[in-house]
C-alpha atoms as a PDB file:
ATOM      1  CA  MET A   1     -88.142  -5.749  99.587  1.00  0.00           C
ATOM      2  CA  GLU A   2     -88.443  -2.133  98.439  1.00  0.00           C
ATOM      3  CA  ALA A   3     -91.948  -1.312  97.175  1.00  0.00           C
ATOM      4  CA  THR A   4     -90.997  -0.064  93.720  1.00  0.00           C
ATOM      5  CA  ILE A   5     -91.937  -1.086  90.195  1.00  0.00           C
ATOM      6  CA  GLU A   6     -88.935  -0.583  87.949  1.00  0.00           C
ATOM      7  CA  VAL A   7     -89.151  -0.587  84.156  1.00  0.00           C
ATOM      8  CA  SER A   8     -85.803  -0.291  82.380  1.00  0.00           C
ATOM      9  CA  GLY A   9     -85.120  -0.171  78.644  1.00  0.00           C
ATOM     10  CA  LEU A  10     -88.064  -2.322  77.583  1.00  0.00           C
ATOM     11  CA  ARG A  11     -88.237  -3.106  73.881  1.00  0.00           C
ATOM     12  CA  LYS A  12     -90.939  -5.240  72.320  1.00  0.00           C
ATOM     13  CA  ARG A  13     -92.032  -5.904  68.754  1.00  0.00           C
ATOM     14  CA  PHE A  14     -95.091  -7.699  67.457  1.00  0.00           C
ATOM     15  CA  GLY A  15     -94.196  -8.591  63.892  1.00  0.00           C
ATOM     16  CA  GLN A  16     -93.419  -5.321  62.115  1.00  0.00           C
ATOM     17  CA  THR A  17     -94.938  -3.203  64.889  1.00  0.00           C
ATOM     18  CA  THR A  18     -92.742  -1.706  67.611  1.00  0.00           C
ATOM     19  CA  ALA A  19     -94.817  -1.643  70.785  1.00  0.00           C
ATOM     20  CA  LEU A  20     -92.056  -0.634  73.217  1.00  0.00           C
ATOM     21  CA  ASP A  21     -88.977   1.324  72.226  1.00  0.00           C
ATOM     22  CA  GLY A  22     -86.809   1.745  75.318  1.00  0.00           C
ATOM     23  CA  MET A  23     -89.581   2.250  77.901  1.00  0.00           C
ATOM     24  CA  SER A  24     -88.071   3.233  81.284  1.00  0.00           C
ATOM     25  CA  PHE A  25     -89.600   4.601  84.502  1.00  0.00           C
ATOM     26  CA  THR A  26     -89.946   3.818  88.207  1.00  0.00           C
ATOM     27  CA  VAL A  27     -93.119   3.744  90.306  1.00  0.00           C
ATOM     28  CA  ARG A  28     -92.230   4.745  93.856  1.00  0.00           C
ATOM     29  CA  PRO A  29     -94.039   4.116  97.148  1.00  0.00           C
ATOM     30  CA  GLY A  30     -96.232   6.680  98.828  1.00  0.00           C
ATOM     31  CA  GLN A  31     -97.879   8.174  95.743  1.00  0.00           C
ATOM     32  CA  VAL A  32    -100.287   7.456  92.922  1.00  0.00           C
ATOM     33  CA  THR A  33     -98.460   7.470  89.585  1.00  0.00           C
ATOM     34  CA  GLY A  34    -100.628   8.087  86.539  1.00  0.00           C
ATOM     35  CA  PHE A  35     -99.662   6.152  83.400  1.00  0.00           C
ATOM     36  CA  VAL A  36    -101.062   7.908  80.338  1.00  0.00           C
ATOM     37  CA  GLY A  37    -100.656   8.076  76.588  1.00  0.00           C
ATOM     38  CA  PRO A  38    -102.632   7.793  73.348  1.00  0.00           C
ATOM     39  CA  ASN A  39    -103.983   4.495  72.059  1.00  0.00           C
ATOM     40  CA  GLY A  40    -101.068   2.373  70.859  1.00  0.00           C
ATOM     41  CA  ALA A  41     -98.552   4.191  73.079  1.00  0.00           C
ATOM     42  CA  GLY A  42     -97.462   0.968  74.812  1.00  0.00           C
ATOM     43  CA  LYS A  43     -99.259   1.209  78.162  1.00  0.00           C
ATOM     44  CA  SER A  44    -100.989  -2.188  78.087  1.00  0.00           C
ATOM     45  CA  THR A  45     -97.921  -3.948  76.709  1.00  0.00           C
ATOM     46  CA  THR A  46     -95.766  -2.443  79.467  1.00  0.00           C
ATOM     47  CA  MET A  47     -98.166  -3.617  82.155  1.00  0.00           C
ATOM     48  CA  ARG A  48     -98.308  -7.097  80.646  1.00  0.00           C
ATOM     49  CA  VAL A  49     -94.506  -7.280  80.592  1.00  0.00           C
ATOM     50  CA  ILE A  50     -94.358  -6.215  84.245  1.00  0.00           C
ATOM     51  CA  LEU A  51     -96.661  -9.126  85.113  1.00  0.00           C
ATOM     52  CA  GLY A  52     -94.812 -11.631  82.931  1.00  0.00           C
ATOM     53  CA  LEU A  53     -97.749 -12.017  80.525  1.00  0.00           C
ATOM     54  CA  ASP A  54     -95.576 -10.826  77.632  1.00  0.00           C
ATOM     55  CA  ALA A  55     -91.825 -11.291  77.289  1.00  0.00           C
ATOM     56  CA  ALA A  56     -89.735  -8.250  76.398  1.00  0.00           C
ATOM     57  CA  ASP A  57     -87.213  -8.509  73.577  1.00  0.00           C
ATOM     58  CA  GLU A  58     -84.839  -6.321  75.621  1.00  0.00           C
ATOM     59  CA  GLY A  59     -84.798  -4.628  79.017  1.00  0.00           C
ATOM     60  CA  ARG A  60     -86.281  -5.655  82.316  1.00  0.00           C
ATOM     61  CA  ALA A  61     -89.274  -5.088  84.595  1.00  0.00           C
ATOM     62  CA  LEU A  62     -88.793  -5.640  88.331  1.00  0.00           C
ATOM     63  CA  ILE A  63     -91.226  -5.878  91.246  1.00  0.00           C
ATOM     64  CA  GLY A  64     -89.388  -4.806  94.381  1.00  0.00           C
ATOM     65  CA  GLY A  65     -86.121  -5.637  92.651  1.00  0.00           C
ATOM     66  CA  ARG A  66     -87.240  -9.049  91.348  1.00  0.00           C
ATOM     67  CA  PRO A  67     -88.924 -10.256  88.145  1.00  0.00           C
ATOM     68  CA  TYR A  68     -92.560 -11.252  88.575  1.00  0.00           C
ATOM     69  CA  ARG A  69     -91.926 -14.886  87.603  1.00  0.00           C
ATOM     70  CA  SER A  70     -89.576 -15.312  90.594  1.00  0.00           C
ATOM     71  CA  LEU A  71     -92.230 -14.326  93.162  1.00  0.00           C
ATOM     72  CA  ARG A  72     -93.570 -17.386  94.983  1.00  0.00           C
ATOM     73  CA  HIS A  73     -96.806 -15.709  96.103  1.00  0.00           C
ATOM     74  CA  PRO A  74     -97.078 -12.771  93.700  1.00  0.00           C
ATOM     75  CA  LEU A  75    -100.344 -11.374  95.104  1.00  0.00           C
ATOM     76  CA  ARG A  76     -98.483 -10.659  98.334  1.00  0.00           C
ATOM     77  CA  HIS A  77     -96.105  -8.408  96.379  1.00  0.00           C
ATOM     78  CA  ILE A  78     -98.222  -6.749  93.674  1.00  0.00           C
ATOM     79  CA  GLY A  79    -101.931  -6.632  92.987  1.00  0.00           C
ATOM     80  CA  ALA A  80    -103.128  -5.937  89.469  1.00  0.00           C
ATOM     81  CA  LEU A  81    -106.322  -5.279  87.555  1.00  0.00           C
ATOM     82  CA  LEU A  82    -105.856  -5.359  83.791  1.00  0.00           C
ATOM     83  CA  ASP A  83    -109.204  -6.778  82.652  1.00  0.00           C
ATOM     84  CA  ALA A  84    -112.338  -6.684  84.794  1.00  0.00           C
ATOM     85  CA  ALA A  85    -113.910  -9.401  82.608  1.00  0.00           C
ATOM     86  CA  ALA A  86    -111.188 -11.949  83.431  1.00  0.00           C
ATOM     87  CA  LEU A  87    -113.278 -14.156  85.693  1.00  0.00           C
ATOM     88  CA  GLN A  88    -115.404 -17.309  85.622  1.00  0.00           C
ATOM     89  CA  PRO A  89    -118.948 -15.904  85.193  1.00  0.00           C
ATOM     90  CA  SER A  90    -120.686 -18.865  86.862  1.00  0.00           C
ATOM     91  CA  ARG A  91    -118.778 -18.341  90.126  1.00  0.00           C
ATOM     92  CA  THR A  92    -120.019 -16.038  92.828  1.00  0.00           C
ATOM     93  CA  ALA A  93    -117.807 -13.070  93.575  1.00  0.00           C
ATOM     94  CA  ARG A  94    -116.873 -14.560  96.924  1.00  0.00           C
ATOM     95  CA  ASN A  95    -115.930 -17.920  95.422  1.00  0.00           C
ATOM     96  CA  HIS A  96    -113.892 -16.161  92.736  1.00  0.00           C
ATOM     97  CA  LEU A  97    -111.893 -14.454  95.470  1.00  0.00           C
ATOM     98  CA  LEU A  98    -111.677 -17.617  97.573  1.00  0.00           C
ATOM     99  CA  TRP A  99    -109.900 -19.662  94.912  1.00  0.00           C
ATOM    100  CA  LEU A 100    -107.476 -16.782  94.330  1.00  0.00           C
ATOM    101  CA  ALA A 101    -106.831 -16.545  98.065  1.00  0.00           C
ATOM    102  CA  HIS A 102    -106.246 -20.287  98.418  1.00  0.00           C
ATOM    103  CA  SER A 103    -103.812 -20.253  95.489  1.00  0.00           C
ATOM    104  CA  GLN A 104    -101.718 -17.727  97.408  1.00  0.00           C
ATOM    105  CA  GLY A 105    -101.945 -19.337 100.820  1.00  0.00           C
ATOM    106  CA  LEU A 106    -104.192 -16.559 102.130  1.00  0.00           C
ATOM    107  CA  PRO A 107    -106.888 -17.130 104.790  1.00  0.00           C
ATOM    108  CA  SER A 108    -110.595 -17.045 103.901  1.00  0.00           C
ATOM    109  CA  ARG A 109    -111.160 -14.128 106.258  1.00  0.00           C
ATOM    110  CA  ARG A 110    -109.103 -11.934 103.918  1.00  0.00           C
ATOM    111  CA  VAL A 111    -111.739 -12.486 101.217  1.00  0.00           C
ATOM    112  CA  ASP A 112    -114.454 -10.990 103.419  1.00  0.00           C
ATOM    113  CA  GLU A 113    -112.152  -8.112 104.352  1.00  0.00           C
ATOM    114  CA  VAL A 114    -111.535  -7.049 100.736  1.00  0.00           C
ATOM    115  CA  ILE A 115    -115.208  -7.510  99.842  1.00  0.00           C
ATOM    116  CA  GLY A 116    -115.964  -4.983 102.569  1.00  0.00           C
ATOM    117  CA  LEU A 117    -113.199  -2.640 101.398  1.00  0.00           C
ATOM    118  CA  VAL A 118    -114.695  -2.343  97.899  1.00  0.00           C
ATOM    119  CA  GLY A 119    -118.350  -2.238  98.996  1.00  0.00           C
ATOM    120  CA  LEU A 120    -119.566  -5.554  97.544  1.00  0.00           C
ATOM    121  CA  GLU A 121    -121.003  -7.116 100.706  1.00  0.00           C
ATOM    122  CA  SER A 122    -124.595  -7.225  99.435  1.00  0.00           C
ATOM    123  CA  ALA A 123    -123.609  -8.803  96.104  1.00  0.00           C
ATOM    124  CA  ALA A 124    -120.799 -11.133  97.184  1.00  0.00           C
ATOM    125  CA  ARG A 125    -122.872 -14.313  96.815  1.00  0.00           C
ATOM    126  CA  ARG A 126    -124.243 -13.420  93.400  1.00  0.00           C
ATOM    127  CA  ARG A 127    -122.739 -14.881  90.243  1.00  0.00           C
ATOM    128  CA  ALA A 128    -120.112 -12.537  88.893  1.00  0.00           C
ATOM    129  CA  GLY A 129    -121.369 -13.047  85.333  1.00  0.00           C
ATOM    130  CA  GLY A 130    -124.428 -10.965  86.200  1.00  0.00           C
ATOM    131  CA  TYR A 131    -122.377  -8.051  87.516  1.00  0.00           C
ATOM    132  CA  SER A 132    -122.373  -4.657  85.825  1.00  0.00           C
ATOM    133  CA  LEU A 133    -119.030  -3.368  84.540  1.00  0.00           C
ATOM    134  CA  GLY A 134    -118.719  -1.108  87.572  1.00  0.00           C
ATOM    135  CA  MET A 135    -119.274  -4.025  89.961  1.00  0.00           C
ATOM    136  CA  ARG A 136    -116.732  -6.112  88.049  1.00  0.00           C
ATOM    137  CA  GLN A 137    -114.242  -3.280  88.467  1.00  0.00           C
ATOM    138  CA  ARG A 138    -114.811  -3.355  92.229  1.00  0.00           C
ATOM    139  CA  LEU A 139    -114.378  -7.135  92.227  1.00  0.00           C
ATOM    140  CA  GLY A 140    -111.133  -6.789  90.260  1.00  0.00           C
ATOM    141  CA  ILE A 141    -109.834  -4.245  92.761  1.00  0.00           C
ATOM    142  CA  ALA A 142    -110.790  -6.614  95.605  1.00  0.00           C
ATOM    143  CA  ALA A 143    -108.741  -9.354  93.915  1.00  0.00           C
ATOM    144  CA  ALA A 144    -105.782  -6.984  93.555  1.00  0.00           C
ATOM    145  CA  LEU A 145    -105.938  -6.229  97.285  1.00  0.00           C
ATOM    146  CA  LEU A 146    -106.160  -9.856  98.467  1.00  0.00           C
ATOM    147  CA  GLY A 147    -102.504 -10.212  99.393  1.00  0.00           C
ATOM    148  CA  ASP A 148    -102.366  -6.771 101.032  1.00  0.00           C
ATOM    149  CA  PRO A 149     -99.561  -5.970  98.570  1.00  0.00           C
ATOM    150  CA  PRO A 150     -97.189  -2.996  98.830  1.00  0.00           C
ATOM    151  CA  MET A 151     -97.601  -2.382  95.069  1.00  0.00           C
ATOM    152  CA  LEU A 152    -100.725  -2.035  92.932  1.00  0.00           C
ATOM    153  CA  MET A 153    -101.211  -1.701  89.185  1.00  0.00           C
ATOM    154  CA  LEU A 154    -104.661  -0.831  87.790  1.00  0.00           C
ATOM    155  CA  ASP A 155    -105.652  -0.364  84.143  1.00  0.00           C
ATOM    156  CA  GLU A 156    -108.578   2.063  83.654  1.00  0.00           C
ATOM    157  CA  PRO A 157    -110.106   1.361  87.104  1.00  0.00           C
ATOM    158  CA  VAL A 158    -112.898   3.955  86.734  1.00  0.00           C
ATOM    159  CA  ASN A 159    -114.382   2.355  83.607  1.00  0.00           C
ATOM    160  CA  GLY A 160    -118.049   1.587  84.232  1.00  0.00           C
ATOM    161  CA  LEU A 161    -118.183   3.273  87.632  1.00  0.00           C
ATOM    162  CA  ASP A 162    -121.052   5.633  88.398  1.00  0.00           C
ATOM    163  CA  PRO A 163    -120.300   9.118  89.831  1.00  0.00           C
ATOM    164  CA  GLU A 164    -120.423   7.782  93.390  1.00  0.00           C
ATOM    165  CA  GLY A 165    -118.018   5.007  92.426  1.00  0.00           C
ATOM    166  CA  ILE A 166    -115.624   7.463  90.786  1.00  0.00           C
ATOM    167  CA  VAL A 167    -115.523   9.591  93.941  1.00  0.00           C
ATOM    168  CA  TRP A 168    -114.910   6.411  95.944  1.00  0.00           C
ATOM    169  CA  ILE A 169    -112.043   5.121  93.786  1.00  0.00           C
ATOM    170  CA  ARG A 170    -110.387   8.554  93.768  1.00  0.00           C
ATOM    171  CA  GLY A 171    -110.230   8.686  97.554  1.00  0.00           C
ATOM    172  CA  PHE A 172    -109.453   4.982  97.848  1.00  0.00           C
ATOM    173  CA  LEU A 173    -106.380   5.196  95.619  1.00  0.00           C
ATOM    174  CA  ARG A 174    -105.084   8.206  97.517  1.00  0.00           C
ATOM    175  CA  SER A 175    -105.557   6.343 100.809  1.00  0.00           C
ATOM    176  CA  LEU A 176    -103.625   3.325  99.497  1.00  0.00           C
ATOM    177  CA  ALA A 177    -100.718   5.565  98.511  1.00  0.00           C
ATOM    178  CA  ALA A 178    -100.885   7.325 101.888  1.00  0.00           C
ATOM    179  CA  GLU A 179    -100.275   3.924 103.492  1.00  0.00           C
ATOM    180  CA  GLY A 180     -96.925   3.832 101.683  1.00  0.00           C
ATOM    181  CA  ARG A 181     -97.896   1.681  98.707  1.00  0.00           C
ATOM    182  CA  ALA A 182     -96.676   2.227  95.162  1.00  0.00           C
ATOM    183  CA  VAL A 183     -99.759   2.687  92.967  1.00  0.00           C
ATOM    184  CA  LEU A 184     -99.646   2.745  89.146  1.00  0.00           C
ATOM    185  CA  VAL A 185    -102.892   3.749  87.426  1.00  0.00           C
ATOM    186  CA  SER A 186    -103.443   3.783  83.675  1.00  0.00           C
ATOM    187  CA  SER A 187    -106.289   6.050  82.599  1.00  0.00           C
ATOM    188  CA  HIS A 188    -107.590   8.152  79.722  1.00  0.00           C
ATOM    189  CA  LEU A 189    -109.488  10.450  82.113  1.00  0.00           C
ATOM    190  CA  MET A 190    -107.110  13.321  82.806  1.00  0.00           C
ATOM    191  CA  SER A 191    -109.609  15.026  85.098  1.00  0.00           C
ATOM    192  CA  GLU A 192    -109.559  11.997  87.399  1.00  0.00           C
ATOM    193  CA  LEU A 193    -105.773  11.773  87.473  1.00  0.00           C
ATOM    194  CA  GLN A 194    -105.473  15.503  88.152  1.00  0.00           C
ATOM    195  CA  ASP A 195    -107.404  14.934  91.385  1.00  0.00           C
ATOM    196  CA  THR A 196    -105.750  11.625  92.256  1.00  0.00           C
ATOM    197  CA  ALA A 197    -102.167  11.290  91.009  1.00  0.00           C
ATOM    198  CA  GLY A 198     -99.114  13.050  92.405  1.00  0.00           C
ATOM    199  CA  HIS A 199     -96.827  11.868  89.635  1.00  0.00           C
ATOM    200  CA  LEU A 200     -97.303  11.225  85.932  1.00  0.00           C
ATOM    201  CA  VAL A 201     -95.574   9.042  83.355  1.00  0.00           C
ATOM    202  CA  VAL A 202     -96.631  10.150  79.869  1.00  0.00           C
ATOM    203  CA  VAL A 203     -95.811   7.770  77.019  1.00  0.00           C
ATOM    204  CA  GLY A 204     -96.059   7.859  73.234  1.00  0.00           C
ATOM    205  CA  ARG A 205     -94.931   5.489  70.504  1.00  0.00           C
ATOM    206  CA  GLY A 206     -93.398   3.122  73.027  1.00  0.00           C
ATOM    207  CA  ARG A 207     -91.245   5.732  74.780  1.00  0.00           C
ATOM    208  CA  VAL A 208     -91.541   7.919  77.869  1.00  0.00           C
ATOM    209  CA  VAL A 209     -92.425  11.475  76.843  1.00  0.00           C
ATOM    210  CA  ALA A 210     -92.511  12.922  80.374  1.00  0.00           C
ATOM    211  CA  ASP A 211     -91.832  11.588  83.877  1.00  0.00           C
ATOM    212  CA  THR A 212     -92.739  14.360  86.303  1.00  0.00           C
ATOM    213  CA  GLY A 213     -94.955  15.604  89.106  1.00  0.00           C
ATOM    214  CA  VAL A 214     -98.507  16.548  88.158  1.00  0.00           C
ATOM    215  CA  ALA A 215     -98.161  20.024  89.704  1.00  0.00           C
ATOM    216  CA  GLU A 216     -94.903  20.680  87.835  1.00  0.00           C
ATOM    217  CA  LEU A 217     -96.408  19.528  84.537  1.00  0.00           C
ATOM    218  CA  ILE A 218     -99.428  21.801  84.916  1.00  0.00           C
ATOM    219  CA  ALA A 219     -97.231  24.768  85.884  1.00  0.00           C
ATOM    220  CA  ALA A 220     -95.062  24.260  82.795  1.00  0.00           C
ATOM    221  CA  ALA A 221     -98.118  23.999  80.540  1.00  0.00           C
ATOM    222  CA  SER A 222     -99.599  27.214  81.964  1.00  0.00           C
ATOM    223  CA  ARG A 223     -96.608  29.149  80.493  1.00  0.00           C
ATOM    224  CA  GLY A 224     -97.339  32.340  82.396  1.00  0.00           C
ATOM    225  CA  ARG A 225    -100.513  33.016  80.423  1.00  0.00           C
ATOM    226  CA  VAL A 226    -103.194  35.417  81.629  1.00  0.00           C
ATOM    227  CA  THR A 227    -106.941  35.140  81.066  1.00  0.00           C
ATOM    228  CA  LEU A 228    -108.703  38.469  80.475  1.00  0.00           C
ATOM    229  CA  ARG A 229    -112.454  39.079  80.339  1.00  0.00           C
ATOM    230  CA  THR A 230    -113.512  42.367  78.754  1.00  0.00           C
ATOM    231  CA  THR A 231    -116.418  43.852  76.822  1.00  0.00           C
ATOM    232  CA  ALA A 232    -113.938  45.996  74.866  1.00  0.00           C
ATOM    233  CA  ARG A 233    -112.045  43.224  73.162  1.00  0.00           C
ATOM    234  CA  PRO A 234    -110.598  45.178  70.173  1.00  0.00           C
ATOM    235  CA  ALA A 235    -109.314  47.989  72.404  1.00  0.00           C
ATOM    236  CA  ALA A 236    -107.800  45.560  74.896  1.00  0.00           C
ATOM    237  CA  MET A 237    -106.083  43.598  72.129  1.00  0.00           C
ATOM    238  CA  SER A 238    -104.610  46.766  70.666  1.00  0.00           C
ATOM    239  CA  VAL A 239    -103.281  48.080  73.999  1.00  0.00           C
ATOM    240  CA  LEU A 240    -101.728  44.762  74.998  1.00  0.00           C
ATOM    241  CA  ALA A 241    -100.244  44.055  71.567  1.00  0.00           C
ATOM    242  CA  GLN A 242     -98.562  47.475  71.562  1.00  0.00           C
ATOM    243  CA  ALA A 243     -96.967  46.531  74.902  1.00  0.00           C
ATOM    244  CA  GLY A 244     -95.448  43.423  73.294  1.00  0.00           C
ATOM    245  CA  ALA A 245     -97.926  40.804  74.431  1.00  0.00           C
ATOM    246  CA  THR A 246     -99.264  37.961  72.311  1.00  0.00           C
ATOM    247  CA  VAL A 247    -103.059  38.103  72.508  1.00  0.00           C
ATOM    248  CA  ALA A 248    -105.578  35.514  71.299  1.00  0.00           C
ATOM    249  CA  ALA A 249    -109.367  35.628  71.485  1.00  0.00           C
ATOM    250  CA  THR A 250    -110.872  32.486  73.019  1.00  0.00           C
ATOM    251  CA  ASP A 251    -114.514  33.601  72.901  1.00  0.00           C
ATOM    252  CA  ARG A 252    -116.605  36.764  72.527  1.00  0.00           C
ATOM    253  CA  ASP A 253    -115.385  38.460  75.713  1.00  0.00           C
ATOM    254  CA  THR A 254    -112.319  36.422  76.728  1.00  0.00           C
ATOM    255  CA  LEU A 255    -108.685  36.869  75.705  1.00  0.00           C
ATOM    256  CA  THR A 256    -105.588  34.817  76.485  1.00  0.00           C
ATOM    257  CA  VAL A 257    -102.519  36.982  76.991  1.00  0.00           C
ATOM    258  CA  SER A 258     -98.925  35.730  76.840  1.00  0.00           C
ATOM    259  CA  GLY A 259     -95.777  37.714  77.588  1.00  0.00           C
ATOM    260  CA  LEU A 260     -97.138  40.002  80.322  1.00  0.00           C
ATOM    261  CA  ALA A 261     -97.731  39.360  84.013  1.00  0.00           C
ATOM    262  CA  ALA A 262    -101.293  39.738  85.305  1.00  0.00           C
ATOM    263  CA  GLU A 263    -100.466  42.904  87.285  1.00  0.00           C
ATOM    264  CA  HIS A 264     -98.908  44.507  84.189  1.00  0.00           C
ATOM    265  CA  VAL A 265    -102.052  43.717  82.173  1.00  0.00           C
ATOM    266  CA  VAL A 266    -104.188  45.392  84.833  1.00  0.00           C
ATOM    267  CA  ALA A 267    -101.975  48.498  84.872  1.00  0.00           C
ATOM    268  CA  LEU A 268    -102.039  48.859  81.085  1.00  0.00           C
ATOM    269  CA  LEU A 269    -105.813  48.490  80.836  1.00  0.00           C
ATOM    270  CA  ASN A 270    -106.424  50.972  83.659  1.00  0.00           C
ATOM    271  CA  ARG A 271    -104.031  53.496  82.102  1.00  0.00           C
ATOM    272  CA  SER A 272    -105.873  53.261  78.786  1.00  0.00           C
ATOM    273  CA  ALA A 273    -109.339  53.246  80.402  1.00  0.00           C
ATOM    274  CA  VAL A 274    -110.186  49.856  78.877  1.00  0.00           C
ATOM    275  CA  PRO A 275    -112.940  48.183  80.931  1.00  0.00           C
ATOM    276  CA  PHE A 276    -112.466  44.600  82.141  1.00  0.00           C
ATOM    277  CA  SER A 277    -114.211  42.295  84.580  1.00  0.00           C
ATOM    278  CA  GLU A 278    -111.475  39.735  85.268  1.00  0.00           C
ATOM    279  CA  VAL A 279    -107.727  39.294  84.960  1.00  0.00           C
ATOM    280  CA  ALA A 280    -106.360  35.990  86.209  1.00  0.00           C
ATOM    281  CA  ALA A 281    -103.192  33.981  85.797  1.00  0.00           C
ATOM    282  CA  HIS A 282    -104.115  31.040  83.590  1.00  0.00           C
ATOM    283  CA  ARG A 283    -103.776  27.584  85.144  1.00  0.00           C
ATOM    284  CA  ALA A 284    -103.697  24.850  82.547  1.00  0.00           C
ATOM    285  CA  THR A 285    -105.603  21.635  83.138  1.00  0.00           C
ATOM    286  CA  LEU A 286    -103.844  18.298  83.123  1.00  0.00           C
ATOM    287  CA  GLU A 287    -105.708  17.542  79.908  1.00  0.00           C
ATOM    288  CA  GLU A 288    -104.175  20.619  78.221  1.00  0.00           C
ATOM    289  CA  ALA A 289    -100.714  19.638  79.410  1.00  0.00           C
ATOM    290  CA  TYR A 290    -101.232  16.070  78.208  1.00  0.00           C
ATOM    291  CA  MET A 291    -102.458  17.181  74.773  1.00  0.00           C
ATOM    292  CA  ASP A 292     -99.402  19.407  74.342  1.00  0.00           C
ATOM    293  CA  LEU A 293     -97.023  16.575  75.230  1.00  0.00           C
ATOM    294  CA  THR A 294     -98.628  13.913  73.064  1.00  0.00           C
ATOM    295  CA  ARG A 295     -99.534  16.005  70.024  1.00  0.00           C
ATOM    296  CA  ASP A 296     -97.008  14.134  67.859  1.00  0.00           C
ATOM    297  CA  ALA A 297     -97.575  10.720  69.420  1.00  0.00           C
ATOM    298  CA  VAL A 298    -101.212  10.123  68.444  1.00  0.00           C
ATOM    299  CA  GLU A 299    -101.633   6.886  66.539  1.00  0.00           C
ATOM    300  CA  PHE A 300    -104.806   7.873  64.664  1.00  0.00           C
ATOM    301  CA  ARG A 301    -105.847  11.411  63.816  1.00  0.00           C
ATOM    302  CA  ALA A 302    -108.982  12.385  61.931  1.00  0.00           C
ATOM    303  CA  ALA A 303    -108.310  14.556  58.894  1.00  0.00           C
ATOM    304  CA  ALA A 304    -109.951  17.979  58.807  1.00  0.00           C
ATOM    305  CA  GLY A 305    -113.264  17.728  57.038  1.00  0.00           C
ATOM    306  CA  ALA A 306    -113.195  13.939  57.051  1.00  0.00           C
ATOM    307  CA  GLY A 307    -116.636  13.745  58.612  1.00  0.00           C
ATOM    308  CA  GLN A 308    -118.146  16.009  56.006  1.00  0.00           C
ATOM    309  CA  GLU A 309    -116.455  14.066  53.203  1.00  0.00           C
ATOM    310  CA  ALA A 310    -117.721  10.761  54.548  1.00  0.00           C
ATOM    311  CA  ALA A 311    -121.253  12.123  54.797  1.00  0.00           C
ATOM    312  CA  ARG A 312    -121.428  13.038  51.133  1.00  0.00           C
END
């Protein structure tokens, strides 16, 4: 079985609301694929359809070429964490994992192995209902790993994690992908995905907006812009504008220049004796790239001045 998650032409309506409108993408082995989009974009519905929790009106979702419902021991094929609170609070963490393991024909020793993998050894015999959100996230990841599956799907796995936990999950996800697994991670934290994911599926209004490598997306969003720091902002703006550049002030001593290469900016400023302390090719963040792509796909947008109006 090939370790891929394939989503093809998914359409799904809830009453008058279109949740999925032709959603299509493939999660391939050997990399972390980020799954991002505004609230209401269709991420959760897509993940639920993949796991057979919701039925699509059209299209298909396949796990290694097969629908989830046809998998005899699904945890051996795909591990998933959609809701860290989906557990019996009176059970200990170890017992929670034991009943899952037994349902899949997995040995008890695997429970202790995954408890060690996620760092819950000291709390494994405590009732899961008393866990913090971060500990529940670790328990959910342990459950997803029980069957040692070639595919993983995690929804907001860093929610509730402390800084140490975030560093851990970042490296852990990369290590899982390095083992050849297909890893799909939904997250609103672009900074985390920029350091973790190699590929990105951006969705909005139930459709795929972009399906591309993270590096390629950031390069496209950077658009050849140059960041300039100068104490002579008016003079620099005049010189660069006369050379055909588009110049925008971003703060008191920083300009963003479009239309000229960094070395050309340096030459022009030196020729005109305009002082500057830094000229650097601008590298967009993943968050900037994401905001550009989803600008028209946001479900709710605050009106300008709405806060002031509401305060009156």
